[in-house]
């Protein structure tokens, strides 16, 4: 566990460890929950499909594509939930592959075909 005060900035870093120097990492989705085994019932989205949902979320420059850096301000759900758990989904792509998910940024909603 990592203990912080409410509204304190949390700085995080995700690193890809690979011998392939042409890979990069992208933070796609980060969700918080008061329950470490259930991120659906009660949750709060920080970033979803590359779209920032929380106004305190920020991404930071990294000199290496294999490292993603980001931050958000600590919060609590309600008084009966003393802990907040974080689950993030990262995407690994080829460096400079501009058609990859890593270079798309915010990928809003999928469009459905309404058909006839």
PDB file of N, CA and C in Angstrom:
ATOM      1  N   UNK A   1       0.830  -1.213   0.000  1.00  0.00           N
ATOM      2  CA  UNK A   1       0.000   0.000   0.000  1.00  0.00           C
ATOM      3  C   UNK A   1       0.863   1.260   0.000  1.00  0.00           C
ATOM      4  N   UNK A   2       0.278   2.292  -0.542  1.00  0.00           N
ATOM      5  CA  UNK A   2       0.922   3.592  -0.588  1.00  0.00           C
ATOM      6  C   UNK A   2      -0.049   4.571   0.051  1.00  0.00           C
ATOM      7  N   UNK A   3       0.363   5.228   1.111  1.00  0.00           N
ATOM      8  CA  UNK A   3      -0.526   6.103   1.858  1.00  0.00           C
ATOM      9  C   UNK A   3      -0.298   7.556   1.469  1.00  0.00           C
ATOM     10  N   UNK A   4      -1.392   8.245   1.138  1.00  0.00           N
ATOM     11  CA  UNK A   4      -1.325   9.660   0.772  1.00  0.00           C
ATOM     12  C   UNK A   4      -2.524  10.380   1.367  1.00  0.00           C
ATOM     13  N   UNK A   5      -2.402  11.681   1.434  1.00  0.00           N
ATOM     14  CA  UNK A   5      -3.518  12.507   1.889  1.00  0.00           C
ATOM     15  C   UNK A   5      -4.417  12.834   0.710  1.00  0.00           C
ATOM     16  N   UNK A   6      -5.681  13.073   1.005  1.00  0.00           N
ATOM     17  CA  UNK A   6      -6.631  13.470  -0.032  1.00  0.00           C
ATOM     18  C   UNK A   6      -6.139  14.749  -0.701  1.00  0.00           C
ATOM     19  N   UNK A   7      -6.259  14.792  -1.993  1.00  0.00           N
ATOM     20  CA  UNK A   7      -5.871  15.918  -2.843  1.00  0.00           C
ATOM     21  C   UNK A   7      -4.367  16.026  -3.061  1.00  0.00           C
ATOM     22  N   UNK A   8      -3.605  15.072  -2.560  1.00  0.00           N
ATOM     23  CA  UNK A   8      -2.160  15.039  -2.816  1.00  0.00           C
ATOM     24  C   UNK A   8      -1.935  14.457  -4.206  1.00  0.00           C
ATOM     25  N   UNK A   9      -0.993  15.014  -4.941  1.00  0.00           N
ATOM     26  CA  UNK A   9      -0.694  14.499  -6.274  1.00  0.00           C
ATOM     27  C   UNK A   9       0.054  13.176  -6.182  1.00  0.00           C
ATOM     28  N   UNK A  10      -0.403  12.209  -6.956  1.00  0.00           N
ATOM     29  CA  UNK A  10       0.265  10.914  -7.079  1.00  0.00           C
ATOM     30  C   UNK A  10       0.933  10.877  -8.439  1.00  0.00           C
ATOM     31  N   UNK A  11       2.218  10.616  -8.464  1.00  0.00           N
ATOM     32  CA  UNK A  11       2.961  10.519  -9.708  1.00  0.00           C
ATOM     33  C   UNK A  11       3.286   9.054  -9.949  1.00  0.00           C
ATOM     34  N   UNK A  12       2.925   8.561 -11.137  1.00  0.00           N
ATOM     35  CA  UNK A  12       3.141   7.161 -11.465  1.00  0.00           C
ATOM     36  C   UNK A  12       3.947   7.028 -12.742  1.00  0.00           C
ATOM     37  N   UNK A  13       4.596   5.890 -12.863  1.00  0.00           N
ATOM     38  CA  UNK A  13       5.381   5.603 -14.054  1.00  0.00           C
ATOM     39  C   UNK A  13       5.229   4.132 -14.386  1.00  0.00           C
ATOM     40  N   UNK A  14       4.966   3.837 -15.652  1.00  0.00           N
ATOM     41  CA  UNK A  14       4.902   2.461 -16.129  1.00  0.00           C
ATOM     42  C   UNK A  14       6.045   2.276 -17.115  1.00  0.00           C
ATOM     43  N   UNK A  15       6.825   1.219 -16.908  1.00  0.00           N
ATOM     44  CA  UNK A  15       7.981   0.974 -17.758  1.00  0.00           C
ATOM     45  C   UNK A  15       7.855  -0.356 -18.471  1.00  0.00           C
ATOM     46  N   UNK A  16       8.207  -0.351 -19.730  1.00  0.00           N
ATOM     47  CA  UNK A  16       8.236  -1.564 -20.536  1.00  0.00           C
ATOM     48  C   UNK A  16       9.671  -2.068 -20.547  1.00  0.00           C
ATOM     49  N   UNK A  17       9.873  -3.286 -20.100  1.00  0.00           N
ATOM     50  CA  UNK A  17      11.209  -3.876 -20.074  1.00  0.00           C
ATOM     51  C   UNK A  17      11.316  -4.875 -21.220  1.00  0.00           C
ATOM     52  N   UNK A  18      12.012  -4.476 -22.275  1.00  0.00           N
ATOM     53  CA  UNK A  18      12.169  -5.304 -23.463  1.00  0.00           C
ATOM     54  C   UNK A  18      13.503  -4.989 -24.114  1.00  0.00           C
ATOM     55  N   UNK A  19      14.079  -5.967 -24.754  1.00  0.00           N
ATOM     56  CA  UNK A  19      15.326  -5.722 -25.485  1.00  0.00           C
ATOM     57  C   UNK A  19      15.049  -5.010 -26.818  1.00  0.00           C
ATOM     58  N   UNK A  20      13.784  -4.989 -27.246  1.00  0.00           N
ATOM     59  CA  UNK A  20      13.399  -4.311 -28.481  1.00  0.00           C
ATOM     60  C   UNK A  20      13.252  -2.813 -28.201  1.00  0.00           C
ATOM     61  N   UNK A  21      14.167  -2.017 -28.696  1.00  0.00           N
ATOM     62  CA  UNK A  21      14.165  -0.569 -28.464  1.00  0.00           C
ATOM     63  C   UNK A  21      13.124   0.170 -29.304  1.00  0.00           C
ATOM     64  N   UNK A  22      12.449  -0.532 -30.214  1.00  0.00           N
ATOM     65  CA  UNK A  22      11.458   0.095 -31.090  1.00  0.00           C
ATOM     66  C   UNK A  22      10.032  -0.090 -30.594  1.00  0.00           C
ATOM     67  N   UNK A  23       9.869  -0.284 -29.301  1.00  0.00           N
ATOM     68  CA  UNK A  23       8.537  -0.415 -28.720  1.00  0.00           C
ATOM     69  C   UNK A  23       8.253   0.786 -27.832  1.00  0.00           C
ATOM     70  N   UNK A  24       6.995   1.144 -27.747  1.00  0.00           N
ATOM     71  CA  UNK A  24       6.577   2.224 -26.857  1.00  0.00           C
ATOM     72  C   UNK A  24       5.332   1.801 -26.095  1.00  0.00           C
ATOM     73  N   UNK A  25       5.066   2.480 -24.996  1.00  0.00           N
ATOM     74  CA  UNK A  25       3.929   2.148 -24.153  1.00  0.00           C
ATOM     75  C   UNK A  25       2.992   3.357 -24.081  1.00  0.00           C
ATOM     76  N   UNK A  26       1.695   3.065 -24.055  1.00  0.00           N
ATOM     77  CA  UNK A  26       0.650   4.093 -24.043  1.00  0.00           C
ATOM     78  C   UNK A  26      -0.361   3.754 -22.958  1.00  0.00           C
ATOM     79  N   UNK A  27      -0.694   4.736 -22.117  1.00  0.00           N
ATOM     80  CA  UNK A  27      -1.711   4.528 -21.080  1.00  0.00           C
ATOM     81  C   UNK A  27      -3.070   4.670 -21.741  1.00  0.00           C
ATOM     82  N   UNK A  28      -3.791   3.559 -21.846  1.00  0.00           N
ATOM     83  CA  UNK A  28      -5.092   3.552 -22.509  1.00  0.00           C
ATOM     84  C   UNK A  28      -6.224   3.813 -21.524  1.00  0.00           C
ATOM     85  N   UNK A  29      -6.241   3.084 -20.412  1.00  0.00           N
ATOM     86  CA  UNK A  29      -7.344   3.167 -19.460  1.00  0.00           C
ATOM     87  C   UNK A  29      -6.830   3.003 -18.036  1.00  0.00           C
ATOM     88  N   UNK A  30      -7.293   3.854 -17.135  1.00  0.00           N
ATOM     89  CA  UNK A  30      -7.020   3.700 -15.702  1.00  0.00           C
ATOM     90  C   UNK A  30      -8.329   3.923 -14.951  1.00  0.00           C
ATOM     91  N   UNK A  31      -8.674   2.954 -14.127  1.00  0.00           N
ATOM     92  CA  UNK A  31      -9.916   2.967 -13.356  1.00  0.00           C
ATOM     93  C   UNK A  31      -9.569   2.738 -11.891  1.00  0.00           C
ATOM     94  N   UNK A  32     -10.293   3.396 -11.004  1.00  0.00           N
ATOM     95  CA  UNK A  32     -10.106   3.187  -9.572  1.00  0.00           C
ATOM     96  C   UNK A  32     -11.348   2.536  -8.988  1.00  0.00           C
ATOM     97  N   UNK A  33     -11.151   1.875  -7.857  1.00  0.00           N
ATOM     98  CA  UNK A  33     -12.254   1.193  -7.179  1.00  0.00           C
ATOM     99  C   UNK A  33     -11.921   1.058  -5.696  1.00  0.00           C
ATOM    100  N   UNK A  34     -12.941   1.000  -4.836  1.00  0.00           N
ATOM    101  CA  UNK A  34     -12.677   0.725  -3.418  1.00  0.00           C
ATOM    102  C   UNK A  34     -12.475  -0.773  -3.169  1.00  0.00           C
ATOM    103  N   UNK A  35     -12.730  -1.603  -4.183  1.00  0.00           N
ATOM    104  CA  UNK A  35     -12.620  -3.057  -4.066  1.00  0.00           C
ATOM    105  C   UNK A  35     -11.570  -3.560  -5.058  1.00  0.00           C
ATOM    106  N   UNK A  36     -10.478  -4.161  -4.578  1.00  0.00           N
ATOM    107  CA  UNK A  36      -9.420  -4.593  -5.495  1.00  0.00           C
ATOM    108  C   UNK A  36      -9.816  -5.704  -6.450  1.00  0.00           C
ATOM    109  N   UNK A  37     -10.948  -6.364  -6.211  1.00  0.00           N
ATOM    110  CA  UNK A  37     -11.371  -7.456  -7.087  1.00  0.00           C
ATOM    111  C   UNK A  37     -12.591  -7.102  -7.936  1.00  0.00           C
ATOM    112  N   UNK A  38     -13.088  -5.869  -7.815  1.00  0.00           N
ATOM    113  CA  UNK A  38     -14.274  -5.470  -8.582  1.00  0.00           C
ATOM    114  C   UNK A  38     -14.122  -4.016  -9.032  1.00  0.00           C
ATOM    115  N   UNK A  39     -13.802  -3.837 -10.304  1.00  0.00           N
ATOM    116  CA  UNK A  39     -13.639  -2.496 -10.863  1.00  0.00           C
ATOM    117  C   UNK A  39     -14.842  -2.094 -11.714  1.00  0.00           C
ATOM    118  N   UNK A  40     -15.984  -2.765 -11.514  1.00  0.00           N
ATOM    119  CA  UNK A  40     -17.184  -2.453 -12.300  1.00  0.00           C
ATOM    120  C   UNK A  40     -18.314  -1.879 -11.449  1.00  0.00           C
ATOM    121  N   UNK A  41     -18.564  -2.454 -10.279  1.00  0.00           N
ATOM    122  CA  UNK A  41     -19.715  -2.054  -9.468  1.00  0.00           C
ATOM    123  C   UNK A  41     -19.603  -0.606  -9.008  1.00  0.00           C
ATOM    124  N   UNK A  42     -18.545  -0.284  -8.292  1.00  0.00           N
ATOM    125  CA  UNK A  42     -18.261   1.083  -7.858  1.00  0.00           C
ATOM    126  C   UNK A  42     -16.887   1.424  -8.410  1.00  0.00           C
ATOM    127  N   UNK A  43     -16.835   2.420  -9.277  1.00  0.00           N
ATOM    128  CA  UNK A  43     -15.549   2.792  -9.847  1.00  0.00           C
ATOM    129  C   UNK A  43     -15.519   4.263 -10.216  1.00  0.00           C
ATOM    130  N   UNK A  44     -14.336   4.717 -10.534  1.00  0.00           N
ATOM    131  CA  UNK A  44     -14.146   6.078 -11.014  1.00  0.00           C
ATOM    132  C   UNK A  44     -13.078   6.013 -12.099  1.00  0.00           C
ATOM    133  N   UNK A  45     -13.403   6.523 -13.279  1.00  0.00           N
ATOM    134  CA  UNK A  45     -12.493   6.465 -14.413  1.00  0.00           C
ATOM    135  C   UNK A  45     -11.589   7.688 -14.433  1.00  0.00           C
ATOM    136  N   UNK A  46     -10.301   7.455 -14.520  1.00  0.00           N
ATOM    137  CA  UNK A  46      -9.339   8.545 -14.669  1.00  0.00           C
ATOM    138  C   UNK A  46      -9.098   8.837 -16.148  1.00  0.00           C
ATOM    139  N   UNK A  47      -8.927   7.764 -16.922  1.00  0.00           N
ATOM    140  CA  UNK A  47      -8.714   7.868 -18.366  1.00  0.00           C
ATOM    141  C   UNK A  47      -9.317   6.615 -18.999  1.00  0.00           C
ATOM    142  N   UNK A  48     -10.056   6.789 -20.078  1.00  0.00           N
ATOM    143  CA  UNK A  48     -10.718   5.670 -20.752  1.00  0.00           C
ATOM    144  C   UNK A  48     -10.467   5.762 -22.246  1.00  0.00           C
ATOM    145  N   UNK A  49      -9.860   4.705 -22.798  1.00  0.00           N
ATOM    146  CA  UNK A  49      -9.531   4.646 -24.220  1.00  0.00           C
ATOM    147  C   UNK A  49      -8.768   5.892 -24.666  1.00  0.00           C
ATOM    148  N   UNK A  50      -7.839   6.335 -23.806  1.00  0.00           N
ATOM    149  CA  UNK A  50      -7.012   7.487 -24.124  1.00  0.00           C
ATOM    150  C   UNK A  50      -7.671   8.830 -23.868  1.00  0.00           C
ATOM    151  N   UNK A  51      -8.928   8.836 -23.443  1.00  0.00           N
ATOM    152  CA  UNK A  51      -9.661  10.081 -23.186  1.00  0.00           C
ATOM    153  C   UNK A  51      -9.629  10.380 -21.690  1.00  0.00           C
ATOM    154  N   UNK A  52      -9.119  11.538 -21.331  1.00  0.00           N
ATOM    155  CA  UNK A  52      -9.019  11.922 -19.925  1.00  0.00           C
ATOM    156  C   UNK A  52     -10.413  12.202 -19.373  1.00  0.00           C
ATOM    157  N   UNK A  53     -10.761  11.534 -18.266  1.00  0.00           N
ATOM    158  CA  UNK A  53     -12.067  11.686 -17.632  1.00  0.00           C
ATOM    159  C   UNK A  53     -11.985  12.505 -16.346  1.00  0.00           C
ATOM    160  N   UNK A  54     -10.816  12.496 -15.712  1.00  0.00           N
ATOM    161  CA  UNK A  54     -10.639  13.202 -14.445  1.00  0.00           C
ATOM    162  C   UNK A  54      -9.827  14.475 -14.686  1.00  0.00           C
ATOM    163  N   UNK A  55     -10.319  15.626 -14.224  1.00  0.00           N
ATOM    164  CA  UNK A  55      -9.612  16.884 -14.504  1.00  0.00           C
ATOM    165  C   UNK A  55      -8.245  16.986 -13.837  1.00  0.00           C
ATOM    166  N   UNK A  56      -7.958  16.142 -12.852  1.00  0.00           N
ATOM    167  CA  UNK A  56      -6.649  16.204 -12.193  1.00  0.00           C
ATOM    168  C   UNK A  56      -5.628  15.277 -12.855  1.00  0.00           C
ATOM    169  N   UNK A  57      -6.062  14.471 -13.833  1.00  0.00           N
ATOM    170  CA  UNK A  57      -5.148  13.556 -14.527  1.00  0.00           C
ATOM    171  C   UNK A  57      -4.266  14.336 -15.490  1.00  0.00           C
ATOM    172  N   UNK A  58      -2.975  14.045 -15.463  1.00  0.00           N
ATOM    173  CA  UNK A  58      -2.021  14.654 -16.391  1.00  0.00           C
ATOM    174  C   UNK A  58      -1.029  13.607 -16.839  1.00  0.00           C
ATOM    175  N   UNK A  59      -0.647  13.683 -18.110  1.00  0.00           N
ATOM    176  CA  UNK A  59       0.444  12.827 -18.575  1.00  0.00           C
ATOM    177  C   UNK A  59       1.686  13.702 -18.666  1.00  0.00           C
ATOM    178  N   UNK A  60       2.840  13.081 -18.497  1.00  0.00           N
ATOM    179  CA  UNK A  60       4.103  13.801 -18.478  1.00  0.00           C
ATOM    180  C   UNK A  60       5.054  13.251 -19.521  1.00  0.00           C
ATOM    181  N   UNK A  61       5.893  14.135 -20.007  1.00  0.00           N
ATOM    182  CA  UNK A  61       6.891  13.757 -21.003  1.00  0.00           C
ATOM    183  C   UNK A  61       7.868  12.738 -20.417  1.00  0.00           C
ATOM    184  N   UNK A  62       8.262  11.789 -21.246  1.00  0.00           N
ATOM    185  CA  UNK A  62       9.314  10.840 -20.899  1.00  0.00           C
ATOM    186  C   UNK A  62      10.310  10.814 -22.049  1.00  0.00           C
ATOM    187  N   UNK A  63      11.595  10.820 -21.763  1.00  0.00           N
ATOM    188  CA  UNK A  63      12.589  10.795 -22.845  1.00  0.00           C
ATOM    189  C   UNK A  63      12.623   9.464 -23.591  1.00  0.00           C
ATOM    190  N   UNK A  64      12.013   8.434 -23.012  1.00  0.00           N
ATOM    191  CA  UNK A  64      11.971   7.121 -23.666  1.00  0.00           C
ATOM    192  C   UNK A  64      10.522   6.717 -23.902  1.00  0.00           C
ATOM    193  N   UNK A  65      10.230   6.196 -25.071  1.00  0.00           N
ATOM    194  CA  UNK A  65       8.883   5.735 -25.391  1.00  0.00           C
ATOM    195  C   UNK A  65       8.471   4.522 -24.580  1.00  0.00           C
ATOM    196  N   UNK A  66       9.440   3.836 -23.999  1.00  0.00           N
ATOM    197  CA  UNK A  66       9.125   2.639 -23.214  1.00  0.00           C
ATOM    198  C   UNK A  66       8.686   2.976 -21.790  1.00  0.00           C
ATOM    199  N   UNK A  67       8.559   4.270 -21.494  1.00  0.00           N
ATOM    200  CA  UNK A  67       8.130   4.719 -20.171  1.00  0.00           C
ATOM    201  C   UNK A  67       6.957   5.677 -20.334  1.00  0.00           C
ATOM    202  N   UNK A  68       5.878   5.427 -19.588  1.00  0.00           N
ATOM    203  CA  UNK A  68       4.725   6.326 -19.559  1.00  0.00           C
ATOM    204  C   UNK A  68       4.648   6.926 -18.167  1.00  0.00           C
ATOM    205  N   UNK A  69       4.517   8.237 -18.095  1.00  0.00           N
ATOM    206  CA  UNK A  69       4.433   8.932 -16.816  1.00  0.00           C
ATOM    207  C   UNK A  69       3.116   9.694 -16.744  1.00  0.00           C
ATOM    208  N   UNK A  70       2.461   9.601 -15.585  1.00  0.00           N
ATOM    209  CA  UNK A  70       1.206  10.315 -15.397  1.00  0.00           C
ATOM    210  C   UNK A  70       0.965  10.573 -13.921  1.00  0.00           C
ATOM    211  N   UNK A  71      -0.009  11.421 -13.637  1.00  0.00           N
ATOM    212  CA  UNK A  71      -0.325  11.782 -12.258  1.00  0.00           C
ATOM    213  C   UNK A  71      -1.810  12.092 -12.130  1.00  0.00           C
ATOM    214  N   UNK A  72      -2.308  12.020 -10.908  1.00  0.00           N
ATOM    215  CA  UNK A  72      -3.657  12.466 -10.574  1.00  0.00           C
ATOM    216  C   UNK A  72      -3.686  12.770  -9.093  1.00  0.00           C
ATOM    217  N   UNK A  73      -4.714  13.480  -8.656  1.00  0.00           N
ATOM    218  CA  UNK A  73      -4.834  13.834  -7.238  1.00  0.00           C
ATOM    219  C   UNK A  73      -5.585  12.745  -6.492  1.00  0.00           C
ATOM    220  N   UNK A  74      -5.074  12.408  -5.324  1.00  0.00           N
ATOM    221  CA  UNK A  74      -5.678  11.368  -4.489  1.00  0.00           C
ATOM    222  C   UNK A  74      -7.068  11.795  -4.018  1.00  0.00           C
ATOM    223  N   UNK A  75      -7.935  10.819  -3.886  1.00  0.00           N
ATOM    224  CA  UNK A  75      -9.304  11.057  -3.433  1.00  0.00           C
ATOM    225  C   UNK A  75      -9.777   9.829  -2.675  1.00  0.00           C
ATOM    226  N   UNK A  76     -10.959   9.923  -2.099  1.00  0.00           N
ATOM    227  CA  UNK A  76     -11.568   8.747  -1.469  1.00  0.00           C
ATOM    228  C   UNK A  76     -12.986   8.629  -2.010  1.00  0.00           C
ATOM    229  N   UNK A  77     -13.512   7.418  -1.992  1.00  0.00           N
ATOM    230  CA  UNK A  77     -14.872   7.210  -2.502  1.00  0.00           C
ATOM    231  C   UNK A  77     -15.896   7.749  -1.507  1.00  0.00           C
ATOM    232  N   UNK A  78     -16.012   7.138  -0.378  1.00  0.00           N
ATOM    233  CA  UNK A  78     -16.843   7.622   0.725  1.00  0.00           C
ATOM    234  C   UNK A  78     -16.160   7.149   2.002  1.00  0.00           C
ATOM    235  N   UNK A  79     -16.626   7.613   3.118  1.00  0.00           N
ATOM    236  CA  UNK A  79     -15.943   7.311   4.375  1.00  0.00           C
ATOM    237  C   UNK A  79     -15.876   5.825   4.689  1.00  0.00           C
ATOM    238  N   UNK A  80     -16.804   5.049   4.184  1.00  0.00           N
ATOM    239  CA  UNK A  80     -16.772   3.615   4.509  1.00  0.00           C
ATOM    240  C   UNK A  80     -15.806   2.828   3.627  1.00  0.00           C
ATOM    241  N   UNK A  81     -15.175   3.489   2.683  1.00  0.00           N
ATOM    242  CA  UNK A  81     -14.166   2.858   1.827  1.00  0.00           C
ATOM    243  C   UNK A  81     -12.830   3.568   2.051  1.00  0.00           C
ATOM    244  N   UNK A  82     -12.018   3.082   2.955  1.00  0.00           N
ATOM    245  CA  UNK A  82     -10.774   3.788   3.281  1.00  0.00           C
ATOM    246  C   UNK A  82      -9.677   3.665   2.218  1.00  0.00           C
ATOM    247  N   UNK A  83      -9.795   2.708   1.310  1.00  0.00           N
ATOM    248  CA  UNK A  83      -8.756   2.497   0.309  1.00  0.00           C
ATOM    249  C   UNK A  83      -9.278   2.720  -1.103  1.00  0.00           C
ATOM    250  N   UNK A  84      -8.374   3.123  -1.977  1.00  0.00           N
ATOM    251  CA  UNK A  84      -8.674   3.266  -3.398  1.00  0.00           C
ATOM    252  C   UNK A  84      -7.640   2.433  -4.150  1.00  0.00           C
ATOM    253  N   UNK A  85      -8.123   1.570  -5.032  1.00  0.00           N
ATOM    254  CA  UNK A  85      -7.249   0.704  -5.826  1.00  0.00           C
ATOM    255  C   UNK A  85      -7.246   1.197  -7.263  1.00  0.00           C
ATOM    256  N   UNK A  86      -6.109   1.064  -7.915  1.00  0.00           N
ATOM    257  CA  UNK A  86      -5.931   1.541  -9.282  1.00  0.00           C
ATOM    258  C   UNK A  86      -5.623   0.374 -10.198  1.00  0.00           C
ATOM    259  N   UNK A  87      -6.300   0.348 -11.347  1.00  0.00           N
ATOM    260  CA  UNK A  87      -6.048  -0.674 -12.372  1.00  0.00           C
ATOM    261  C   UNK A  87      -5.903   0.056 -13.702  1.00  0.00           C
ATOM    262  N   UNK A  88      -4.777  -0.156 -14.367  1.00  0.00           N
ATOM    263  CA  UNK A  88      -4.536   0.509 -15.647  1.00  0.00           C
ATOM    264  C   UNK A  88      -4.302  -0.513 -16.741  1.00  0.00           C
ATOM    265  N   UNK A  89      -4.740  -0.173 -17.935  1.00  0.00           N
ATOM    266  CA  UNK A  89      -4.479  -0.976 -19.123  1.00  0.00           C
ATOM    267  C   UNK A  89      -3.553  -0.162 -20.015  1.00  0.00           C
ATOM    268  N   UNK A  90      -2.459  -0.781 -20.385  1.00  0.00           N
ATOM    269  CA  UNK A  90      -1.458  -0.136 -21.228  1.00  0.00           C
ATOM    270  C   UNK A  90      -1.402  -0.840 -22.570  1.00  0.00           C
ATOM    271  N   UNK A  91      -1.025  -0.100 -23.589  1.00  0.00           N
ATOM    272  CA  UNK A  91      -0.896  -0.652 -24.932  1.00  0.00           C
ATOM    273  C   UNK A  91       0.562  -0.530 -25.336  1.00  0.00           C
ATOM    274  N   UNK A  92       1.093  -1.576 -25.942  1.00  0.00           N
ATOM    275  CA  UNK A  92       2.460  -1.563 -26.452  1.00  0.00           C
ATOM    276  C   UNK A  92       2.394  -1.529 -27.975  1.00  0.00           C
ATOM    277  N   UNK A  93       3.132  -0.593 -28.572  1.00  0.00           N
ATOM    278  CA  UNK A  93       3.113  -0.417 -30.029  1.00  0.00           C
ATOM    279  C   UNK A  93       4.536  -0.266 -30.544  1.00  0.00           C
ATOM    280  N   UNK A  94       4.661  -0.366 -31.852  1.00  0.00           N
ATOM    281  CA  UNK A  94       5.934  -0.086 -32.524  1.00  0.00           C
ATOM    282  C   UNK A  94       6.142   1.427 -32.528  1.00  0.00           C
ATOM    283  N   UNK A  95       7.336   1.840 -32.190  1.00  0.00           N
ATOM    284  CA  UNK A  95       7.695   3.250 -32.207  1.00  0.00           C
ATOM    285  C   UNK A  95       7.579   3.782 -33.641  1.00  0.00           C
ATOM    286  N   UNK A  96       6.984   4.941 -33.796  1.00  0.00           N
ATOM    287  CA  UNK A  96       6.765   5.638 -35.073  1.00  0.00           C
ATOM    288  C   UNK A  96       5.793   4.925 -36.012  1.00  0.00           C
ATOM    289  N   UNK A  97       4.992   3.986 -35.482  1.00  0.00           N
ATOM    290  CA  UNK A  97       3.915   3.374 -36.281  1.00  0.00           C
ATOM    291  C   UNK A  97       2.678   4.230 -36.048  1.00  0.00           C
ATOM    292  N   UNK A  98       2.517   5.233 -36.876  1.00  0.00           N
ATOM    293  CA  UNK A  98       1.465   6.219 -36.663  1.00  0.00           C
ATOM    294  C   UNK A  98       0.062   5.675 -36.851  1.00  0.00           C
ATOM    295  N   UNK A  99      -0.082   4.466 -37.376  1.00  0.00           N
ATOM    296  CA  UNK A  99      -1.403   3.853 -37.497  1.00  0.00           C
ATOM    297  C   UNK A  99      -1.754   3.036 -36.248  1.00  0.00           C
ATOM    298  N   UNK A 100      -0.828   2.933 -35.308  1.00  0.00           N
ATOM    299  CA  UNK A 100      -1.052   2.119 -34.104  1.00  0.00           C
ATOM    300  C   UNK A 100      -1.914   2.854 -33.082  1.00  0.00           C
ATOM    301  N   UNK A 101      -2.430   2.122 -32.130  1.00  0.00           N
ATOM    302  CA  UNK A 101      -3.265   2.672 -31.063  1.00  0.00           C
ATOM    303  C   UNK A 101      -2.515   3.742 -30.263  1.00  0.00           C
ATOM    304  N   UNK A 102      -1.230   3.594 -30.097  1.00  0.00           N
ATOM    305  CA  UNK A 102      -0.435   4.536 -29.304  1.00  0.00           C
ATOM    306  C   UNK A 102      -0.472   5.955 -29.859  1.00  0.00           C
ATOM    307  N   UNK A 103      -0.660   6.101 -31.153  1.00  0.00           N
ATOM    308  CA  UNK A 103      -0.646   7.417 -31.776  1.00  0.00           C
ATOM    309  C   UNK A 103      -2.049   7.980 -32.023  1.00  0.00           C
ATOM    310  N   UNK A 104      -3.086   7.232 -31.673  1.00  0.00           N
ATOM    311  CA  UNK A 104      -4.454   7.697 -31.910  1.00  0.00           C
ATOM    312  C   UNK A 104      -4.953   8.654 -30.845  1.00  0.00           C
ATOM    313  N   UNK A 105      -4.337   8.632 -29.651  1.00  0.00           N
ATOM    314  CA  UNK A 105      -4.805   9.502 -28.568  1.00  0.00           C
ATOM    315  C   UNK A 105      -6.183   9.072 -28.103  1.00  0.00           C
ATOM    316  N   UNK A 106      -7.053  10.046 -27.871  1.00  0.00           N
ATOM    317  CA  UNK A 106      -8.404   9.762 -27.384  1.00  0.00           C
ATOM    318  C   UNK A 106      -9.214   9.085 -28.475  1.00  0.00           C
ATOM    319  N   UNK A 107      -9.620   7.859 -28.207  1.00  0.00           N
ATOM    320  CA  UNK A 107     -10.450   7.106 -29.150  1.00  0.00           C
ATOM    321  C   UNK A 107     -11.861   7.064 -28.575  1.00  0.00           C
ATOM    322  N   UNK A 108     -12.655   8.076 -28.875  1.00  0.00           N
ATOM    323  CA  UNK A 108     -14.021   8.193 -28.344  1.00  0.00           C
ATOM    324  C   UNK A 108     -14.837   6.930 -28.517  1.00  0.00           C
ATOM    325  N   UNK A 109     -16.105   7.077 -28.587  1.00  0.00           N
ATOM    326  CA  UNK A 109     -17.000   5.925 -28.683  1.00  0.00           C
ATOM    327  C   UNK A 109     -16.897   5.242 -30.037  1.00  0.00           C
ATOM    328  N   UNK A 110     -17.173   3.935 -29.988  1.00  0.00           N
ATOM    329  CA  UNK A 110     -17.289   3.196 -31.253  1.00  0.00           C
ATOM    330  C   UNK A 110     -18.605   3.584 -31.902  1.00  0.00           C
ATOM    331  N   UNK A 111     -18.617   3.694 -33.210  1.00  0.00           N
ATOM    332  CA  UNK A 111     -19.869   3.962 -33.916  1.00  0.00           C
ATOM    333  C   UNK A 111     -20.482   2.648 -34.317  1.00  0.00           C
ATOM    334  N   UNK A 112     -21.771   2.535 -34.108  1.00  0.00           N
ATOM    335  CA  UNK A 112     -22.476   1.307 -34.501  1.00  0.00           C
ATOM    336  C   UNK A 112     -23.196   1.499 -35.823  1.00  0.00           C
ATOM    337  N   UNK A 113     -23.267   0.404 -36.561  1.00  0.00           N
ATOM    338  CA  UNK A 113     -24.031   0.422 -37.794  1.00  0.00           C
ATOM    339  C   UNK A 113     -25.492   0.171 -37.408  1.00  0.00           C
ATOM    340  N   UNK A 114     -26.376   1.127 -37.670  1.00  0.00           N
ATOM    341  CA  UNK A 114     -27.768   0.958 -37.286  1.00  0.00           C
ATOM    342  C   UNK A 114     -28.523   0.025 -38.240  1.00  0.00           C
ATOM    343  N   UNK A 115     -27.978  -0.166 -39.424  1.00  0.00           N
ATOM    344  CA  UNK A 115     -28.598  -1.092 -40.372  1.00  0.00           C
ATOM    345  C   UNK A 115     -29.987  -0.633 -40.787  1.00  0.00           C
ATOM    346  N   UNK A 116     -30.740  -1.554 -41.394  1.00  0.00           N
ATOM    347  CA  UNK A 116     -32.082  -1.187 -41.841  1.00  0.00           C
ATOM    348  C   UNK A 116     -33.124  -1.661 -40.874  1.00  0.00           C
TER     349      UNK A 116
END
